[in-house]
Amino acid sequence: LGLENLTMGGVAAKLGVRITVLYG
């Protein structure tokens, strides 16, 4: 995604998971 566009939601969407999963 690149640091400039980095969001928790963006990473979650790219991985196909819910945002809450990332908090693990």
PDBML (XML) file of the C-alpha atoms, coordinates in Angstrom:
<?xml version="1.0" encoding="UTF-8" ?>
<PDBx:datablock datablockName="MODEL"
   xmlns:PDBx="http://pdbml.pdb.org/schema/pdbx-v50.xsd"
   xmlns:xsi="http://www.w3.org/2001/XMLSchema-instance"
   xsi:schemaLocation="http://pdbml.pdb.org/schema/pdbx-v50.xsd pdbx-v50.xsd">
   <PDBx:atom_siteCategory>
      <PDBx:atom_site id="1">
         <PDBx:B_iso_or_equiv>0.00</PDBx:B_iso_or_equiv>
         <PDBx:Cartn_x>0.000</PDBx:Cartn_x>
         <PDBx:Cartn_y>0.000</PDBx:Cartn_y>
         <PDBx:Cartn_z>0.000</PDBx:Cartn_z>
         <PDBx:auth_asym_id>A</PDBx:auth_asym_id>
         <PDBx:auth_atom_id>CA</PDBx:auth_atom_id>
         <PDBx:auth_comp_id>LEU</PDBx:auth_comp_id>
         <PDBx:auth_seq_id>1</PDBx:auth_seq_id>
         <PDBx:group_PDB>ATOM</PDBx:group_PDB>
         <PDBx:label_alt_id xsi:nil="true" />
         <PDBx:label_asym_id>A</PDBx:label_asym_id>
         <PDBx:label_atom_id>CA</PDBx:label_atom_id>
         <PDBx:label_comp_id>LEU</PDBx:label_comp_id>
         <PDBx:label_entity_id>1</PDBx:label_entity_id>
         <PDBx:label_seq_id>1</PDBx:label_seq_id>
         <PDBx:occupancy>1.00</PDBx:occupancy>
         <PDBx:pdbx_PDB_model_num>1</PDBx:pdbx_PDB_model_num>
         <PDBx:type_symbol>C</PDBx:type_symbol>
      </PDBx:atom_site>
      <PDBx:atom_site id="2">
         <PDBx:B_iso_or_equiv>0.00</PDBx:B_iso_or_equiv>
         <PDBx:Cartn_x>2.908</PDBx:Cartn_x>
         <PDBx:Cartn_y>2.350</PDBx:Cartn_y>
         <PDBx:Cartn_z>0.755</PDBx:Cartn_z>
         <PDBx:auth_asym_id>A</PDBx:auth_asym_id>
         <PDBx:auth_atom_id>CA</PDBx:auth_atom_id>
         <PDBx:auth_comp_id>GLY</PDBx:auth_comp_id>
         <PDBx:auth_seq_id>2</PDBx:auth_seq_id>
         <PDBx:group_PDB>ATOM</PDBx:group_PDB>
         <PDBx:label_alt_id xsi:nil="true" />
         <PDBx:label_asym_id>A</PDBx:label_asym_id>
         <PDBx:label_atom_id>CA</PDBx:label_atom_id>
         <PDBx:label_comp_id>GLY</PDBx:label_comp_id>
         <PDBx:label_entity_id>1</PDBx:label_entity_id>
         <PDBx:label_seq_id>2</PDBx:label_seq_id>
         <PDBx:occupancy>1.00</PDBx:occupancy>
         <PDBx:pdbx_PDB_model_num>1</PDBx:pdbx_PDB_model_num>
         <PDBx:type_symbol>C</PDBx:type_symbol>
      </PDBx:atom_site>
      <PDBx:atom_site id="3">
         <PDBx:B_iso_or_equiv>0.00</PDBx:B_iso_or_equiv>
         <PDBx:Cartn_x>3.338</PDBx:Cartn_x>
         <PDBx:Cartn_y>4.382</PDBx:Cartn_y>
         <PDBx:Cartn_z>3.913</PDBx:Cartn_z>
         <PDBx:auth_asym_id>A</PDBx:auth_asym_id>
         <PDBx:auth_atom_id>CA</PDBx:auth_atom_id>
         <PDBx:auth_comp_id>LEU</PDBx:auth_comp_id>
         <PDBx:auth_seq_id>3</PDBx:auth_seq_id>
         <PDBx:group_PDB>ATOM</PDBx:group_PDB>
         <PDBx:label_alt_id xsi:nil="true" />
         <PDBx:label_asym_id>A</PDBx:label_asym_id>
         <PDBx:label_atom_id>CA</PDBx:label_atom_id>
         <PDBx:label_comp_id>LEU</PDBx:label_comp_id>
         <PDBx:label_entity_id>1</PDBx:label_entity_id>
         <PDBx:label_seq_id>3</PDBx:label_seq_id>
         <PDBx:occupancy>1.00</PDBx:occupancy>
         <PDBx:pdbx_PDB_model_num>1</PDBx:pdbx_PDB_model_num>
         <PDBx:type_symbol>C</PDBx:type_symbol>
      </PDBx:atom_site>
      <PDBx:atom_site id="4">
         <PDBx:B_iso_or_equiv>0.00</PDBx:B_iso_or_equiv>
         <PDBx:Cartn_x>1.547</PDBx:Cartn_x>
         <PDBx:Cartn_y>7.400</PDBx:Cartn_y>
         <PDBx:Cartn_z>2.492</PDBx:Cartn_z>
         <PDBx:auth_asym_id>A</PDBx:auth_asym_id>
         <PDBx:auth_atom_id>CA</PDBx:auth_atom_id>
         <PDBx:auth_comp_id>GLU</PDBx:auth_comp_id>
         <PDBx:auth_seq_id>4</PDBx:auth_seq_id>
         <PDBx:group_PDB>ATOM</PDBx:group_PDB>
         <PDBx:label_alt_id xsi:nil="true" />
         <PDBx:label_asym_id>A</PDBx:label_asym_id>
         <PDBx:label_atom_id>CA</PDBx:label_atom_id>
         <PDBx:label_comp_id>GLU</PDBx:label_comp_id>
         <PDBx:label_entity_id>1</PDBx:label_entity_id>
         <PDBx:label_seq_id>4</PDBx:label_seq_id>
         <PDBx:occupancy>1.00</PDBx:occupancy>
         <PDBx:pdbx_PDB_model_num>1</PDBx:pdbx_PDB_model_num>
         <PDBx:type_symbol>C</PDBx:type_symbol>
      </PDBx:atom_site>
      <PDBx:atom_site id="5">
         <PDBx:B_iso_or_equiv>0.00</PDBx:B_iso_or_equiv>
         <PDBx:Cartn_x>-1.634</PDBx:Cartn_x>
         <PDBx:Cartn_y>5.403</PDBx:Cartn_y>
         <PDBx:Cartn_z>1.927</PDBx:Cartn_z>
         <PDBx:auth_asym_id>A</PDBx:auth_asym_id>
         <PDBx:auth_atom_id>CA</PDBx:auth_atom_id>
         <PDBx:auth_comp_id>ASN</PDBx:auth_comp_id>
         <PDBx:auth_seq_id>5</PDBx:auth_seq_id>
         <PDBx:group_PDB>ATOM</PDBx:group_PDB>
         <PDBx:label_alt_id xsi:nil="true" />
         <PDBx:label_asym_id>A</PDBx:label_asym_id>
         <PDBx:label_atom_id>CA</PDBx:label_atom_id>
         <PDBx:label_comp_id>ASN</PDBx:label_comp_id>
         <PDBx:label_entity_id>1</PDBx:label_entity_id>
         <PDBx:label_seq_id>5</PDBx:label_seq_id>
         <PDBx:occupancy>1.00</PDBx:occupancy>
         <PDBx:pdbx_PDB_model_num>1</PDBx:pdbx_PDB_model_num>
         <PDBx:type_symbol>C</PDBx:type_symbol>
      </PDBx:atom_site>
      <PDBx:atom_site id="6">
         <PDBx:B_iso_or_equiv>0.00</PDBx:B_iso_or_equiv>
         <PDBx:Cartn_x>-1.305</PDBx:Cartn_x>
         <PDBx:Cartn_y>3.058</PDBx:Cartn_y>
         <PDBx:Cartn_z>4.872</PDBx:Cartn_z>
         <PDBx:auth_asym_id>A</PDBx:auth_asym_id>
         <PDBx:auth_atom_id>CA</PDBx:auth_atom_id>
         <PDBx:auth_comp_id>LEU</PDBx:auth_comp_id>
         <PDBx:auth_seq_id>6</PDBx:auth_seq_id>
         <PDBx:group_PDB>ATOM</PDBx:group_PDB>
         <PDBx:label_alt_id xsi:nil="true" />
         <PDBx:label_asym_id>A</PDBx:label_asym_id>
         <PDBx:label_atom_id>CA</PDBx:label_atom_id>
         <PDBx:label_comp_id>LEU</PDBx:label_comp_id>
         <PDBx:label_entity_id>1</PDBx:label_entity_id>
         <PDBx:label_seq_id>6</PDBx:label_seq_id>
         <PDBx:occupancy>1.00</PDBx:occupancy>
         <PDBx:pdbx_PDB_model_num>1</PDBx:pdbx_PDB_model_num>
         <PDBx:type_symbol>C</PDBx:type_symbol>
      </PDBx:atom_site>
      <PDBx:atom_site id="7">
         <PDBx:B_iso_or_equiv>0.00</PDBx:B_iso_or_equiv>
         <PDBx:Cartn_x>-4.398</PDBx:Cartn_x>
         <PDBx:Cartn_y>2.455</PDBx:Cartn_y>
         <PDBx:Cartn_z>6.992</PDBx:Cartn_z>
         <PDBx:auth_asym_id>A</PDBx:auth_asym_id>
         <PDBx:auth_atom_id>CA</PDBx:auth_atom_id>
         <PDBx:auth_comp_id>THR</PDBx:auth_comp_id>
         <PDBx:auth_seq_id>7</PDBx:auth_seq_id>
         <PDBx:group_PDB>ATOM</PDBx:group_PDB>
         <PDBx:label_alt_id xsi:nil="true" />
         <PDBx:label_asym_id>A</PDBx:label_asym_id>
         <PDBx:label_atom_id>CA</PDBx:label_atom_id>
         <PDBx:label_comp_id>THR</PDBx:label_comp_id>
         <PDBx:label_entity_id>1</PDBx:label_entity_id>
         <PDBx:label_seq_id>7</PDBx:label_seq_id>
         <PDBx:occupancy>1.00</PDBx:occupancy>
         <PDBx:pdbx_PDB_model_num>1</PDBx:pdbx_PDB_model_num>
         <PDBx:type_symbol>C</PDBx:type_symbol>
      </PDBx:atom_site>
      <PDBx:atom_site id="8">
         <PDBx:B_iso_or_equiv>0.00</PDBx:B_iso_or_equiv>
         <PDBx:Cartn_x>-5.556</PDBx:Cartn_x>
         <PDBx:Cartn_y>-0.426</PDBx:Cartn_y>
         <PDBx:Cartn_z>9.137</PDBx:Cartn_z>
         <PDBx:auth_asym_id>A</PDBx:auth_asym_id>
         <PDBx:auth_atom_id>CA</PDBx:auth_atom_id>
         <PDBx:auth_comp_id>MET</PDBx:auth_comp_id>
         <PDBx:auth_seq_id>8</PDBx:auth_seq_id>
         <PDBx:group_PDB>ATOM</PDBx:group_PDB>
         <PDBx:label_alt_id xsi:nil="true" />
         <PDBx:label_asym_id>A</PDBx:label_asym_id>
         <PDBx:label_atom_id>CA</PDBx:label_atom_id>
         <PDBx:label_comp_id>MET</PDBx:label_comp_id>
         <PDBx:label_entity_id>1</PDBx:label_entity_id>
         <PDBx:label_seq_id>8</PDBx:label_seq_id>
         <PDBx:occupancy>1.00</PDBx:occupancy>
         <PDBx:pdbx_PDB_model_num>1</PDBx:pdbx_PDB_model_num>
         <PDBx:type_symbol>C</PDBx:type_symbol>
      </PDBx:atom_site>
      <PDBx:atom_site id="9">
         <PDBx:B_iso_or_equiv>0.00</PDBx:B_iso_or_equiv>
         <PDBx:Cartn_x>-8.606</PDBx:Cartn_x>
         <PDBx:Cartn_y>-0.742</PDBx:Cartn_y>
         <PDBx:Cartn_z>6.906</PDBx:Cartn_z>
         <PDBx:auth_asym_id>A</PDBx:auth_asym_id>
         <PDBx:auth_atom_id>CA</PDBx:auth_atom_id>
         <PDBx:auth_comp_id>GLY</PDBx:auth_comp_id>
         <PDBx:auth_seq_id>9</PDBx:auth_seq_id>
         <PDBx:group_PDB>ATOM</PDBx:group_PDB>
         <PDBx:label_alt_id xsi:nil="true" />
         <PDBx:label_asym_id>A</PDBx:label_asym_id>
         <PDBx:label_atom_id>CA</PDBx:label_atom_id>
         <PDBx:label_comp_id>GLY</PDBx:label_comp_id>
         <PDBx:label_entity_id>1</PDBx:label_entity_id>
         <PDBx:label_seq_id>9</PDBx:label_seq_id>
         <PDBx:occupancy>1.00</PDBx:occupancy>
         <PDBx:pdbx_PDB_model_num>1</PDBx:pdbx_PDB_model_num>
         <PDBx:type_symbol>C</PDBx:type_symbol>
      </PDBx:atom_site>
      <PDBx:atom_site id="10">
         <PDBx:B_iso_or_equiv>0.00</PDBx:B_iso_or_equiv>
         <PDBx:Cartn_x>-6.517</PDBx:Cartn_x>
         <PDBx:Cartn_y>-0.834</PDBx:Cartn_y>
         <PDBx:Cartn_z>3.759</PDBx:Cartn_z>
         <PDBx:auth_asym_id>A</PDBx:auth_asym_id>
         <PDBx:auth_atom_id>CA</PDBx:auth_atom_id>
         <PDBx:auth_comp_id>GLY</PDBx:auth_comp_id>
         <PDBx:auth_seq_id>10</PDBx:auth_seq_id>
         <PDBx:group_PDB>ATOM</PDBx:group_PDB>
         <PDBx:label_alt_id xsi:nil="true" />
         <PDBx:label_asym_id>A</PDBx:label_asym_id>
         <PDBx:label_atom_id>CA</PDBx:label_atom_id>
         <PDBx:label_comp_id>GLY</PDBx:label_comp_id>
         <PDBx:label_entity_id>1</PDBx:label_entity_id>
         <PDBx:label_seq_id>10</PDBx:label_seq_id>
         <PDBx:occupancy>1.00</PDBx:occupancy>
         <PDBx:pdbx_PDB_model_num>1</PDBx:pdbx_PDB_model_num>
         <PDBx:type_symbol>C</PDBx:type_symbol>
      </PDBx:atom_site>
      <PDBx:atom_site id="11">
         <PDBx:B_iso_or_equiv>0.00</PDBx:B_iso_or_equiv>
         <PDBx:Cartn_x>-4.274</PDBx:Cartn_x>
         <PDBx:Cartn_y>-3.592</PDBx:Cartn_y>
         <PDBx:Cartn_z>5.092</PDBx:Cartn_z>
         <PDBx:auth_asym_id>A</PDBx:auth_asym_id>
         <PDBx:auth_atom_id>CA</PDBx:auth_atom_id>
         <PDBx:auth_comp_id>VAL</PDBx:auth_comp_id>
         <PDBx:auth_seq_id>11</PDBx:auth_seq_id>
         <PDBx:group_PDB>ATOM</PDBx:group_PDB>
         <PDBx:label_alt_id xsi:nil="true" />
         <PDBx:label_asym_id>A</PDBx:label_asym_id>
         <PDBx:label_atom_id>CA</PDBx:label_atom_id>
         <PDBx:label_comp_id>VAL</PDBx:label_comp_id>
         <PDBx:label_entity_id>1</PDBx:label_entity_id>
         <PDBx:label_seq_id>11</PDBx:label_seq_id>
         <PDBx:occupancy>1.00</PDBx:occupancy>
         <PDBx:pdbx_PDB_model_num>1</PDBx:pdbx_PDB_model_num>
         <PDBx:type_symbol>C</PDBx:type_symbol>
      </PDBx:atom_site>
      <PDBx:atom_site id="12">
         <PDBx:B_iso_or_equiv>0.00</PDBx:B_iso_or_equiv>
         <PDBx:Cartn_x>-7.259</PDBx:Cartn_x>
         <PDBx:Cartn_y>-5.583</PDBx:Cartn_y>
         <PDBx:Cartn_z>6.309</PDBx:Cartn_z>
         <PDBx:auth_asym_id>A</PDBx:auth_asym_id>
         <PDBx:auth_atom_id>CA</PDBx:auth_atom_id>
         <PDBx:auth_comp_id>ALA</PDBx:auth_comp_id>
         <PDBx:auth_seq_id>12</PDBx:auth_seq_id>
         <PDBx:group_PDB>ATOM</PDBx:group_PDB>
         <PDBx:label_alt_id xsi:nil="true" />
         <PDBx:label_asym_id>A</PDBx:label_asym_id>
         <PDBx:label_atom_id>CA</PDBx:label_atom_id>
         <PDBx:label_comp_id>ALA</PDBx:label_comp_id>
         <PDBx:label_entity_id>1</PDBx:label_entity_id>
         <PDBx:label_seq_id>12</PDBx:label_seq_id>
         <PDBx:occupancy>1.00</PDBx:occupancy>
         <PDBx:pdbx_PDB_model_num>1</PDBx:pdbx_PDB_model_num>
         <PDBx:type_symbol>C</PDBx:type_symbol>
      </PDBx:atom_site>
      <PDBx:atom_site id="13">
         <PDBx:B_iso_or_equiv>0.00</PDBx:B_iso_or_equiv>
         <PDBx:Cartn_x>-8.949</PDBx:Cartn_x>
         <PDBx:Cartn_y>-5.293</PDBx:Cartn_y>
         <PDBx:Cartn_z>2.915</PDBx:Cartn_z>
         <PDBx:auth_asym_id>A</PDBx:auth_asym_id>
         <PDBx:auth_atom_id>CA</PDBx:auth_atom_id>
         <PDBx:auth_comp_id>ALA</PDBx:auth_comp_id>
         <PDBx:auth_seq_id>13</PDBx:auth_seq_id>
         <PDBx:group_PDB>ATOM</PDBx:group_PDB>
         <PDBx:label_alt_id xsi:nil="true" />
         <PDBx:label_asym_id>A</PDBx:label_asym_id>
         <PDBx:label_atom_id>CA</PDBx:label_atom_id>
         <PDBx:label_comp_id>ALA</PDBx:label_comp_id>
         <PDBx:label_entity_id>1</PDBx:label_entity_id>
         <PDBx:label_seq_id>13</PDBx:label_seq_id>
         <PDBx:occupancy>1.00</PDBx:occupancy>
         <PDBx:pdbx_PDB_model_num>1</PDBx:pdbx_PDB_model_num>
         <PDBx:type_symbol>C</PDBx:type_symbol>
      </PDBx:atom_site>
      <PDBx:atom_site id="14">
         <PDBx:B_iso_or_equiv>0.00</PDBx:B_iso_or_equiv>
         <PDBx:Cartn_x>-5.785</PDBx:Cartn_x>
         <PDBx:Cartn_y>-6.356</PDBx:Cartn_y>
         <PDBx:Cartn_z>1.105</PDBx:Cartn_z>
         <PDBx:auth_asym_id>A</PDBx:auth_asym_id>
         <PDBx:auth_atom_id>CA</PDBx:auth_atom_id>
         <PDBx:auth_comp_id>LYS</PDBx:auth_comp_id>
         <PDBx:auth_seq_id>14</PDBx:auth_seq_id>
         <PDBx:group_PDB>ATOM</PDBx:group_PDB>
         <PDBx:label_alt_id xsi:nil="true" />
         <PDBx:label_asym_id>A</PDBx:label_asym_id>
         <PDBx:label_atom_id>CA</PDBx:label_atom_id>
         <PDBx:label_comp_id>LYS</PDBx:label_comp_id>
         <PDBx:label_entity_id>1</PDBx:label_entity_id>
         <PDBx:label_seq_id>14</PDBx:label_seq_id>
         <PDBx:occupancy>1.00</PDBx:occupancy>
         <PDBx:pdbx_PDB_model_num>1</PDBx:pdbx_PDB_model_num>
         <PDBx:type_symbol>C</PDBx:type_symbol>
      </PDBx:atom_site>
      <PDBx:atom_site id="15">
         <PDBx:B_iso_or_equiv>0.00</PDBx:B_iso_or_equiv>
         <PDBx:Cartn_x>-5.492</PDBx:Cartn_x>
         <PDBx:Cartn_y>-9.411</PDBx:Cartn_y>
         <PDBx:Cartn_z>3.332</PDBx:Cartn_z>
         <PDBx:auth_asym_id>A</PDBx:auth_asym_id>
         <PDBx:auth_atom_id>CA</PDBx:auth_atom_id>
         <PDBx:auth_comp_id>LEU</PDBx:auth_comp_id>
         <PDBx:auth_seq_id>15</PDBx:auth_seq_id>
         <PDBx:group_PDB>ATOM</PDBx:group_PDB>
         <PDBx:label_alt_id xsi:nil="true" />
         <PDBx:label_asym_id>A</PDBx:label_asym_id>
         <PDBx:label_atom_id>CA</PDBx:label_atom_id>
         <PDBx:label_comp_id>LEU</PDBx:label_comp_id>
         <PDBx:label_entity_id>1</PDBx:label_entity_id>
         <PDBx:label_seq_id>15</PDBx:label_seq_id>
         <PDBx:occupancy>1.00</PDBx:occupancy>
         <PDBx:pdbx_PDB_model_num>1</PDBx:pdbx_PDB_model_num>
         <PDBx:type_symbol>C</PDBx:type_symbol>
      </PDBx:atom_site>
      <PDBx:atom_site id="16">
         <PDBx:B_iso_or_equiv>0.00</PDBx:B_iso_or_equiv>
         <PDBx:Cartn_x>-9.212</PDBx:Cartn_x>
         <PDBx:Cartn_y>-10.174</PDBx:Cartn_y>
         <PDBx:Cartn_z>3.162</PDBx:Cartn_z>
         <PDBx:auth_asym_id>A</PDBx:auth_asym_id>
         <PDBx:auth_atom_id>CA</PDBx:auth_atom_id>
         <PDBx:auth_comp_id>GLY</PDBx:auth_comp_id>
         <PDBx:auth_seq_id>16</PDBx:auth_seq_id>
         <PDBx:group_PDB>ATOM</PDBx:group_PDB>
         <PDBx:label_alt_id xsi:nil="true" />
         <PDBx:label_asym_id>A</PDBx:label_asym_id>
         <PDBx:label_atom_id>CA</PDBx:label_atom_id>
         <PDBx:label_comp_id>GLY</PDBx:label_comp_id>
         <PDBx:label_entity_id>1</PDBx:label_entity_id>
         <PDBx:label_seq_id>16</PDBx:label_seq_id>
         <PDBx:occupancy>1.00</PDBx:occupancy>
         <PDBx:pdbx_PDB_model_num>1</PDBx:pdbx_PDB_model_num>
         <PDBx:type_symbol>C</PDBx:type_symbol>
      </PDBx:atom_site>
      <PDBx:atom_site id="17">
         <PDBx:B_iso_or_equiv>0.00</PDBx:B_iso_or_equiv>
         <PDBx:Cartn_x>-9.742</PDBx:Cartn_x>
         <PDBx:Cartn_y>-10.040</PDBx:Cartn_y>
         <PDBx:Cartn_z>6.925</PDBx:Cartn_z>
         <PDBx:auth_asym_id>A</PDBx:auth_asym_id>
         <PDBx:auth_atom_id>CA</PDBx:auth_atom_id>
         <PDBx:auth_comp_id>VAL</PDBx:auth_comp_id>
         <PDBx:auth_seq_id>17</PDBx:auth_seq_id>
         <PDBx:group_PDB>ATOM</PDBx:group_PDB>
         <PDBx:label_alt_id xsi:nil="true" />
         <PDBx:label_asym_id>A</PDBx:label_asym_id>
         <PDBx:label_atom_id>CA</PDBx:label_atom_id>
         <PDBx:label_comp_id>VAL</PDBx:label_comp_id>
         <PDBx:label_entity_id>1</PDBx:label_entity_id>
         <PDBx:label_seq_id>17</PDBx:label_seq_id>
         <PDBx:occupancy>1.00</PDBx:occupancy>
         <PDBx:pdbx_PDB_model_num>1</PDBx:pdbx_PDB_model_num>
         <PDBx:type_symbol>C</PDBx:type_symbol>
      </PDBx:atom_site>
      <PDBx:atom_site id="18">
         <PDBx:B_iso_or_equiv>0.00</PDBx:B_iso_or_equiv>
         <PDBx:Cartn_x>-11.574</PDBx:Cartn_x>
         <PDBx:Cartn_y>-7.837</PDBx:Cartn_y>
         <PDBx:Cartn_z>9.404</PDBx:Cartn_z>
         <PDBx:auth_asym_id>A</PDBx:auth_asym_id>
         <PDBx:auth_atom_id>CA</PDBx:auth_atom_id>
         <PDBx:auth_comp_id>ARG</PDBx:auth_comp_id>
         <PDBx:auth_seq_id>18</PDBx:auth_seq_id>
         <PDBx:group_PDB>ATOM</PDBx:group_PDB>
         <PDBx:label_alt_id xsi:nil="true" />
         <PDBx:label_asym_id>A</PDBx:label_asym_id>
         <PDBx:label_atom_id>CA</PDBx:label_atom_id>
         <PDBx:label_comp_id>ARG</PDBx:label_comp_id>
         <PDBx:label_entity_id>1</PDBx:label_entity_id>
         <PDBx:label_seq_id>18</PDBx:label_seq_id>
         <PDBx:occupancy>1.00</PDBx:occupancy>
         <PDBx:pdbx_PDB_model_num>1</PDBx:pdbx_PDB_model_num>
         <PDBx:type_symbol>C</PDBx:type_symbol>
      </PDBx:atom_site>
      <PDBx:atom_site id="19">
         <PDBx:B_iso_or_equiv>0.00</PDBx:B_iso_or_equiv>
         <PDBx:Cartn_x>-9.731</PDBx:Cartn_x>
         <PDBx:Cartn_y>-4.905</PDBx:Cartn_y>
         <PDBx:Cartn_z>10.943</PDBx:Cartn_z>
         <PDBx:auth_asym_id>A</PDBx:auth_asym_id>
         <PDBx:auth_atom_id>CA</PDBx:auth_atom_id>
         <PDBx:auth_comp_id>ILE</PDBx:auth_comp_id>
         <PDBx:auth_seq_id>19</PDBx:auth_seq_id>
         <PDBx:group_PDB>ATOM</PDBx:group_PDB>
         <PDBx:label_alt_id xsi:nil="true" />
         <PDBx:label_asym_id>A</PDBx:label_asym_id>
         <PDBx:label_atom_id>CA</PDBx:label_atom_id>
         <PDBx:label_comp_id>ILE</PDBx:label_comp_id>
         <PDBx:label_entity_id>1</PDBx:label_entity_id>
         <PDBx:label_seq_id>19</PDBx:label_seq_id>
         <PDBx:occupancy>1.00</PDBx:occupancy>
         <PDBx:pdbx_PDB_model_num>1</PDBx:pdbx_PDB_model_num>
         <PDBx:type_symbol>C</PDBx:type_symbol>
      </PDBx:atom_site>
      <PDBx:atom_site id="20">
         <PDBx:B_iso_or_equiv>0.00</PDBx:B_iso_or_equiv>
         <PDBx:Cartn_x>-10.116</PDBx:Cartn_x>
         <PDBx:Cartn_y>-6.489</PDBx:Cartn_y>
         <PDBx:Cartn_z>14.368</PDBx:Cartn_z>
         <PDBx:auth_asym_id>A</PDBx:auth_asym_id>
         <PDBx:auth_atom_id>CA</PDBx:auth_atom_id>
         <PDBx:auth_comp_id>THR</PDBx:auth_comp_id>
         <PDBx:auth_seq_id>20</PDBx:auth_seq_id>
         <PDBx:group_PDB>ATOM</PDBx:group_PDB>
         <PDBx:label_alt_id xsi:nil="true" />
         <PDBx:label_asym_id>A</PDBx:label_asym_id>
         <PDBx:label_atom_id>CA</PDBx:label_atom_id>
         <PDBx:label_comp_id>THR</PDBx:label_comp_id>
         <PDBx:label_entity_id>1</PDBx:label_entity_id>
         <PDBx:label_seq_id>20</PDBx:label_seq_id>
         <PDBx:occupancy>1.00</PDBx:occupancy>
         <PDBx:pdbx_PDB_model_num>1</PDBx:pdbx_PDB_model_num>
         <PDBx:type_symbol>C</PDBx:type_symbol>
      </PDBx:atom_site>
      <PDBx:atom_site id="21">
         <PDBx:B_iso_or_equiv>0.00</PDBx:B_iso_or_equiv>
         <PDBx:Cartn_x>-7.934</PDBx:Cartn_x>
         <PDBx:Cartn_y>-9.388</PDBx:Cartn_y>
         <PDBx:Cartn_z>13.225</PDBx:Cartn_z>
         <PDBx:auth_asym_id>A</PDBx:auth_asym_id>
         <PDBx:auth_atom_id>CA</PDBx:auth_atom_id>
         <PDBx:auth_comp_id>VAL</PDBx:auth_comp_id>
         <PDBx:auth_seq_id>21</PDBx:auth_seq_id>
         <PDBx:group_PDB>ATOM</PDBx:group_PDB>
         <PDBx:label_alt_id xsi:nil="true" />
         <PDBx:label_asym_id>A</PDBx:label_asym_id>
         <PDBx:label_atom_id>CA</PDBx:label_atom_id>
         <PDBx:label_comp_id>VAL</PDBx:label_comp_id>
         <PDBx:label_entity_id>1</PDBx:label_entity_id>
         <PDBx:label_seq_id>21</PDBx:label_seq_id>
         <PDBx:occupancy>1.00</PDBx:occupancy>
         <PDBx:pdbx_PDB_model_num>1</PDBx:pdbx_PDB_model_num>
         <PDBx:type_symbol>C</PDBx:type_symbol>
      </PDBx:atom_site>
      <PDBx:atom_site id="22">
         <PDBx:B_iso_or_equiv>0.00</PDBx:B_iso_or_equiv>
         <PDBx:Cartn_x>-4.992</PDBx:Cartn_x>
         <PDBx:Cartn_y>-7.019</PDBx:Cartn_y>
         <PDBx:Cartn_z>12.734</PDBx:Cartn_z>
         <PDBx:auth_asym_id>A</PDBx:auth_asym_id>
         <PDBx:auth_atom_id>CA</PDBx:auth_atom_id>
         <PDBx:auth_comp_id>LEU</PDBx:auth_comp_id>
         <PDBx:auth_seq_id>22</PDBx:auth_seq_id>
         <PDBx:group_PDB>ATOM</PDBx:group_PDB>
         <PDBx:label_alt_id xsi:nil="true" />
         <PDBx:label_asym_id>A</PDBx:label_asym_id>
         <PDBx:label_atom_id>CA</PDBx:label_atom_id>
         <PDBx:label_comp_id>LEU</PDBx:label_comp_id>
         <PDBx:label_entity_id>1</PDBx:label_entity_id>
         <PDBx:label_seq_id>22</PDBx:label_seq_id>
         <PDBx:occupancy>1.00</PDBx:occupancy>
         <PDBx:pdbx_PDB_model_num>1</PDBx:pdbx_PDB_model_num>
         <PDBx:type_symbol>C</PDBx:type_symbol>
      </PDBx:atom_site>
      <PDBx:atom_site id="23">
         <PDBx:B_iso_or_equiv>0.00</PDBx:B_iso_or_equiv>
         <PDBx:Cartn_x>-5.021</PDBx:Cartn_x>
         <PDBx:Cartn_y>-6.065</PDBx:Cartn_y>
         <PDBx:Cartn_z>16.400</PDBx:Cartn_z>
         <PDBx:auth_asym_id>A</PDBx:auth_asym_id>
         <PDBx:auth_atom_id>CA</PDBx:auth_atom_id>
         <PDBx:auth_comp_id>TYR</PDBx:auth_comp_id>
         <PDBx:auth_seq_id>23</PDBx:auth_seq_id>
         <PDBx:group_PDB>ATOM</PDBx:group_PDB>
         <PDBx:label_alt_id xsi:nil="true" />
         <PDBx:label_asym_id>A</PDBx:label_asym_id>
         <PDBx:label_atom_id>CA</PDBx:label_atom_id>
         <PDBx:label_comp_id>TYR</PDBx:label_comp_id>
         <PDBx:label_entity_id>1</PDBx:label_entity_id>
         <PDBx:label_seq_id>23</PDBx:label_seq_id>
         <PDBx:occupancy>1.00</PDBx:occupancy>
         <PDBx:pdbx_PDB_model_num>1</PDBx:pdbx_PDB_model_num>
         <PDBx:type_symbol>C</PDBx:type_symbol>
      </PDBx:atom_site>
      <PDBx:atom_site id="24">
         <PDBx:B_iso_or_equiv>0.00</PDBx:B_iso_or_equiv>
         <PDBx:Cartn_x>-3.696</PDBx:Cartn_x>
         <PDBx:Cartn_y>-9.511</PDBx:Cartn_y>
         <PDBx:Cartn_z>17.127</PDBx:Cartn_z>
         <PDBx:auth_asym_id>A</PDBx:auth_asym_id>
         <PDBx:auth_atom_id>CA</PDBx:auth_atom_id>
         <PDBx:auth_comp_id>GLY</PDBx:auth_comp_id>
         <PDBx:auth_seq_id>24</PDBx:auth_seq_id>
         <PDBx:group_PDB>ATOM</PDBx:group_PDB>
         <PDBx:label_alt_id xsi:nil="true" />
         <PDBx:label_asym_id>A</PDBx:label_asym_id>
         <PDBx:label_atom_id>CA</PDBx:label_atom_id>
         <PDBx:label_comp_id>GLY</PDBx:label_comp_id>
         <PDBx:label_entity_id>1</PDBx:label_entity_id>
         <PDBx:label_seq_id>24</PDBx:label_seq_id>
         <PDBx:occupancy>1.00</PDBx:occupancy>
         <PDBx:pdbx_PDB_model_num>1</PDBx:pdbx_PDB_model_num>
         <PDBx:type_symbol>C</PDBx:type_symbol>
      </PDBx:atom_site>
   </PDBx:atom_siteCategory>
</PDBx:datablock>
